[in-house]
């Protein structure tokens, strides 16, 4: 068993002391920064080691996966070699270059500063660039670069070829990579990986000395055997860096948000942009897979796919803040899914859509377990793919139709697309009384979830509004109206528990669910007594019948809910749900001009900012010990942050931009 990592100066600090065994442990999840190029991404630790990267795309098999197995997973490290005790005298600081996704990791040691610059250029070349520089030091400093790939989730062996003129090639049965280096490389054999049963195939390492002001660059990219990569060119590398800075800073200038907390909004936008798969417009939930929601637990899922239910917030945030190009690309991806549905694996009983698709639109995202990997901090099983695609999910139709409603305000939908949407609304009307797996993709018994019912109400409501707004043909309009009203009455009759004065998780239940906080956005006014009761009840401590661990919100009490997972320890609070509560309080403040709710929302929001990592990134959850849990960074956490900030900013200015009925305007 590998030693448990130490929390170096807390997750909110950007200053880290390198531990003694820097290459033989798991970093905390949130001690990483993200770099990418909208095709793939890499997590770079505070020790300047790349612990996770899939190539060539987000959902491709991993090349570096030390996050999921510290011995077999593969990594790429760069470290100063200091006299005496190696790198242990160094302290690291990690930053983003202002208004970009270019990452800087600095090593501070007695008498000097060195840095590692990590980024992925935007354009036709799919690669990652790492530049090492010595900024200050009276005497030269030695560095060691060590790269040990593990192809196909550490399942495929590979060979290493040293090329004196440009670097090294790594050749596996499914992928070949070239490491272009401006210093000589030599083959490195990792005996520990071999002893642990890892795949055959070595790595490379280089030891080099830098004078003050000098730098060394490494470039990792795909390699064809007929190709002879060009050696590193200093001039070309500097231009590539400048072009990357310009790309990100010019992109962010398009942001139209001028309210409070712009720094947090900008960083969230930059993180969201990194999780857009540019070739298709799809938006992934996270660039990682199988990072645990409970340490040594089994809630370990693959989030490198696209969930239909994320559509509404994604389109809303992007279009609201001026990024219509990205919103349009994602909507076009959604349109294609509405046309093709789940045709490859069509099961009419599951409905016209499945809840999750691959980034290319694949319907087959079959779940597998990788039993040869030990998992992050021994959290097993390690999963790739996601079986949520095979379950019945009814809530997604509401979020999809809401996304269409938002999109239509900027780009009117076509008649042909309307025909597909009309069929979808008909299907919702015929199936609204069914049970499903709910918003949380439960692996337990299907239920009549209140949130699902509200989203089916929303799907019909948005269909009716689109038809009315554009006089679109809706032959079953009367049935739509009758069904919408029936769902509303049904929720109020069966989804609200008079005893606890709150909407509940499912019909006949007394369990709370944070997903009901969004009812204040779509379904009922935030100052409706039933919504007020729900907010009040959720605001209680989880040990007292609520869902709170101030200021964080749990999605539900997993120790008391049959969701098909039997972990004995409670999972972390959900960052997305915490922002939902802030959103609901802000809407309440807009609706009623009650200062108390506005102040509570502001205090909760500003405290949540302190739970981001040192770079402003959020994981899916926060554990009971304050540790980041789940896949990282999590797109829904950043989308929910933007929505909460926007609504609260409006409330604090005494405005009312989006109450419960704002989208009907």
Foldseek 3Di string as FASTA:
>chain_A
DFDADDQAVHQQAQKGQQDLCNLTAADFPQQWAWAFALFWIFTAGLQRKTQWTAPDGLQHATFHHCLQFSQFRWMKGKAWQDPDRGLRQWMWGKEADPLASWIKIWTDHVFWIKIWIWYAFHDDFRKIKIKIATATHPDKIKMKIKTWTQGRRQPWAWEWDADQQFGIWTDTPPFIKGKGWPFGKDWDARVSNVVLVTHHYTIIMDMDIHDHPDMIMIMMGTDDPVDDDDHDDPVVVVVSVVNRVVVSNVVLVQFPDDFPPVVLLSLLVNVQSRQQNVVQLAGWQFSDWQFFLDQQFARTGAGNWHFLLCLQLVLCLCVVGRNLVSSVSNLVSVLVCLVCALVVPDDPVQPRHFGIAHSVRHLDQDKDFDVSTCTRNSHDGTIGGDPSRVWRAQLSLLSNLNSLLSSCVPPNDDLVSLVSLLVRLVVLLVDLPDFTLDPVSFPFDTAAFLSSLLSNLNNLVSNLLSCVVVVRDRPCNVSSVVSSVVSLVVCVVFQADPVQLEGDGGGPDPWHFLSCLCCFQAPDPLPDSSNVSHLVQQCDDVVVRHQCDVLFGARTFPCPDRRPTDDPDTGFGFLLSSLSSLLSLLLVCLVPVDVVSLVVSVVRLVVVQSLNGNHSFAPGGAHPVRGGTHHTRGSSSSSSNSSSVVSSSQSVVNHNCGGNCNSSD
